Protein backbone atom coordinates (compact mmCIF):
# COMPACT_ATOMS: atom_id res chain seq x y z
CA MET A 1 14.49 44.40 3.37
CA LEU A 2 14.47 40.65 2.78
CA GLU A 3 17.24 39.26 0.61
CA GLY A 4 17.08 36.05 -1.42
CA THR A 5 16.90 34.61 -4.92
CA LEU A 6 13.79 34.75 -7.10
CA ILE A 7 13.48 32.07 -9.81
CA ARG A 8 11.04 32.31 -12.71
CA LEU A 9 10.03 29.00 -14.30
CA GLN A 10 8.53 29.15 -17.77
CA VAL A 11 7.59 26.06 -19.75
CA GLU A 12 7.58 26.11 -23.53
CA HIS A 13 4.32 24.23 -24.01
CA LEU A 14 1.62 22.38 -22.11
CA PRO A 15 -0.54 19.46 -23.25
CA GLY A 16 -3.38 20.69 -25.40
CA ASP A 17 -3.57 24.32 -26.50
CA ARG A 18 -3.15 25.92 -23.07
CA ASP A 19 -1.09 29.01 -22.45
CA PRO A 20 1.64 28.31 -19.87
CA ASN A 21 1.85 30.79 -17.00
CA PRO A 22 5.19 31.34 -15.29
CA VAL A 23 5.82 29.90 -11.82
CA TRP A 24 7.86 31.90 -9.34
CA LEU A 25 10.08 30.27 -6.72
CA TRP A 26 11.89 32.08 -3.94
CA THR A 27 14.76 31.00 -1.70
CA SER A 28 16.53 32.80 1.11
CA THR A 29 19.89 31.93 -0.46
CA THR A 30 21.44 35.12 -1.82
CA SER A 31 24.27 33.77 -3.93
CA ALA A 32 22.74 30.91 -5.94
CA SER A 33 24.78 29.18 -8.58
CA THR A 34 23.35 27.77 -11.81
CA THR A 35 23.60 24.28 -10.30
CA ASP A 36 21.57 25.39 -7.26
CA VAL A 37 18.83 26.91 -9.41
CA ASP A 38 18.68 23.78 -11.57
CA ARG A 39 18.35 21.56 -8.48
CA TRP A 40 15.64 23.78 -6.95
CA TRP A 41 13.33 23.81 -9.95
CA ARG A 42 13.73 20.05 -10.41
CA SER A 43 12.87 19.58 -6.72
CA PHE A 44 9.80 21.76 -7.21
CA LEU A 45 8.64 19.55 -10.09
CA ARG A 46 9.28 16.39 -8.04
CA ARG A 47 6.94 17.71 -5.37
CA PHE A 48 3.94 16.85 -7.54
CA ASP A 49 4.90 13.17 -7.52
CA LEU A 50 5.09 13.23 -3.73
CA GLU A 51 1.73 15.03 -3.39
CA HIS A 52 0.02 12.45 -5.60
CA THR A 53 1.62 9.60 -3.62
CA PHE A 54 0.31 11.01 -0.34
CA ARG A 55 -3.11 11.52 -1.93
CA LEU A 56 -3.11 7.85 -3.02
CA LEU A 57 -2.06 6.69 0.45
CA LYS A 58 -4.75 8.75 2.15
CA GLN A 59 -7.73 8.53 -0.21
CA THR A 60 -7.33 5.19 -1.97
CA LEU A 61 -5.48 3.04 0.55
CA GLY A 62 -7.09 4.61 3.64
CA TRP A 63 -3.98 5.74 5.49
CA THR A 64 -5.87 8.34 7.56
CA ALA A 65 -9.21 6.47 7.74
CA PRO A 66 -8.90 4.46 11.00
CA LYS A 67 -9.19 6.10 14.40
CA ILE A 68 -5.87 4.96 15.86
CA ARG A 69 -5.31 5.51 19.58
CA SER A 70 -1.61 4.89 20.06
CA PRO A 71 1.55 5.91 18.24
CA GLN A 72 2.62 2.26 17.99
CA ALA A 73 -0.64 1.32 16.24
CA ALA A 74 -0.22 4.31 13.90
CA ASP A 75 3.29 3.11 13.02
CA ARG A 76 2.03 -0.42 12.32
CA TRP A 77 -0.83 0.91 10.17
CA THR A 78 1.61 3.11 8.23
CA TRP A 79 3.81 0.08 7.49
CA VAL A 80 0.75 -1.87 6.29
CA ILE A 81 -0.15 0.96 3.91
CA ILE A 82 3.45 1.18 2.68
CA ALA A 83 3.42 -2.58 2.02
CA ALA A 84 0.14 -2.26 0.07
CA HIS A 85 1.56 0.61 -1.98
CA THR A 86 4.72 -1.41 -2.66
CA GLN A 87 2.66 -4.36 -3.87
CA LEU A 88 0.75 -2.12 -6.25
CA ARG A 89 3.99 -0.63 -7.56
CA LEU A 90 5.57 -4.06 -8.05
CA ALA A 91 2.45 -5.32 -9.85
CA ARG A 92 2.61 -2.64 -12.54
CA PRO A 93 4.41 -4.79 -15.15
CA LEU A 94 1.96 -7.64 -14.53
CA ALA A 95 -1.26 -5.64 -14.67
CA GLN A 96 -3.22 -5.28 -17.85
CA ASP A 97 -4.14 -1.85 -19.08
CA LEU A 98 -7.73 -1.97 -17.86
CA ARG A 99 -8.87 1.50 -18.79
CA ARG A 100 -12.15 3.27 -18.96
CA PRO A 101 -13.45 4.25 -22.42
CA TRP A 102 -12.20 7.84 -22.11
CA GLU A 103 -8.67 6.89 -20.97
CA LYS A 104 -5.81 6.57 -23.44
CA PRO A 105 -3.75 3.33 -23.58
CA ALA A 106 -0.61 3.32 -21.46
CA PRO A 107 2.39 0.98 -21.44
CA PRO A 108 2.76 -1.15 -18.26
CA GLY A 109 5.62 1.01 -16.93
CA ARG A 110 3.37 4.08 -16.97
CA LEU A 111 0.38 2.56 -15.17
CA THR A 112 -0.48 4.35 -11.96
CA PRO A 113 -0.84 2.29 -8.78
CA GLY A 114 -3.87 4.29 -7.71
CA ALA A 115 -6.06 3.58 -10.67
CA ARG A 116 -5.17 1.15 -13.39
CA VAL A 117 -2.99 -1.27 -11.41
CA ARG A 118 -5.58 -1.35 -8.62
CA ARG A 119 -8.22 -2.21 -11.23
CA GLY A 120 -6.05 -4.99 -12.62
CA PHE A 121 -4.89 -6.29 -9.22
CA ARG A 122 -7.94 -8.55 -8.83
CA HIS A 123 -6.95 -10.33 -12.05
CA LEU A 124 -3.43 -10.89 -10.66
CA ARG A 125 -4.60 -12.57 -7.46
CA PRO A 126 -5.53 -15.95 -9.01
CA ARG A 127 -2.11 -16.11 -10.75
CA THR A 128 -0.03 -15.44 -7.65
CA ALA A 129 1.19 -18.01 -5.15
CA LEU A 130 -0.90 -18.32 -2.02
CA PRO A 131 0.78 -17.82 1.32
CA ALA A 132 0.94 -20.70 3.76
CA GLY A 133 -2.02 -21.28 6.03
CA ALA A 134 -1.98 -20.32 9.68
CA PRO A 135 0.27 -22.59 11.75
CA LYS A 136 -1.43 -25.10 14.01
CA PRO A 137 0.00 -25.20 17.51
CA ALA A 138 1.59 -28.47 18.64
CA HIS A 139 0.71 -27.73 22.26
CA PRO A 140 -2.43 -26.12 23.64
CA ALA A 141 -2.21 -22.50 24.63
CA PRO A 142 -1.61 -21.76 28.33
CA GLY A 143 -4.86 -22.08 30.25
CA ALA A 144 -6.61 -24.05 27.48
CA HIS A 145 -8.18 -27.44 28.21
CA PRO A 146 -6.16 -30.29 26.71
CA ALA A 147 -7.81 -32.33 24.00
CA PRO A 148 -9.05 -35.81 24.96
CA ALA A 149 -6.58 -38.64 24.38
CA THR A 150 -8.96 -40.53 22.09
CA ALA A 151 -10.90 -38.90 19.35
CA GLY A 152 -13.41 -41.78 19.00
CA PRO A 153 -16.45 -42.66 21.09
CA HIS A 154 -16.15 -43.77 24.70
CA PRO A 155 -14.76 -47.34 24.81
CA VAL A 156 -17.30 -50.05 25.48
CA SER A 157 -16.98 -53.69 26.44
CA THR A 158 -18.00 -56.52 24.14
CA SER A 159 -21.28 -56.80 26.03
CA GLY A 160 -22.28 -53.28 24.98
CA LYS A 161 -21.90 -51.94 28.49
CA PRO A 162 -19.36 -49.18 29.27
CA ALA A 163 -15.92 -50.51 30.17
CA ASN A 164 -15.76 -48.30 33.26
CA PRO A 165 -17.83 -49.92 36.03
CA THR A 166 -18.49 -46.58 37.74
CA SER A 167 -20.24 -45.05 34.75
CA PRO A 168 -23.97 -45.74 34.30
């Protein structure tokens, strides 16, 4: 016999005229308090947010798309995807509600980063500050040929002949 606690979740209503079916949760904890049960069903509901976030990271932002060969490269790619997701989240208040004809209007705080903010992100780009350009090195890289001392043409004498007598 396997002991535990069985929790039945029943919602009062769903959007539209759908009949809500109960959801059953089970835990191996045998003596669950009311606080425990409340925390468990709220955690179960929170799981949907996490699943949609992972779906966004994988399908929209391409988290699993590249063929990465080393764990270090996978870590770097994961941080790039997290940074992109963070930018989309931070841009929510700035993005317009660019919706398709069948979508209902939504306030800026309710815009999803995967769809509406991503659609509006291209309109944000011209309004944001541009990052600095790539730095130009003051010294040539090791092994590189140094630049010539003069950028102009080879010096010539007043007679039109090259100043260096050894050159033709």
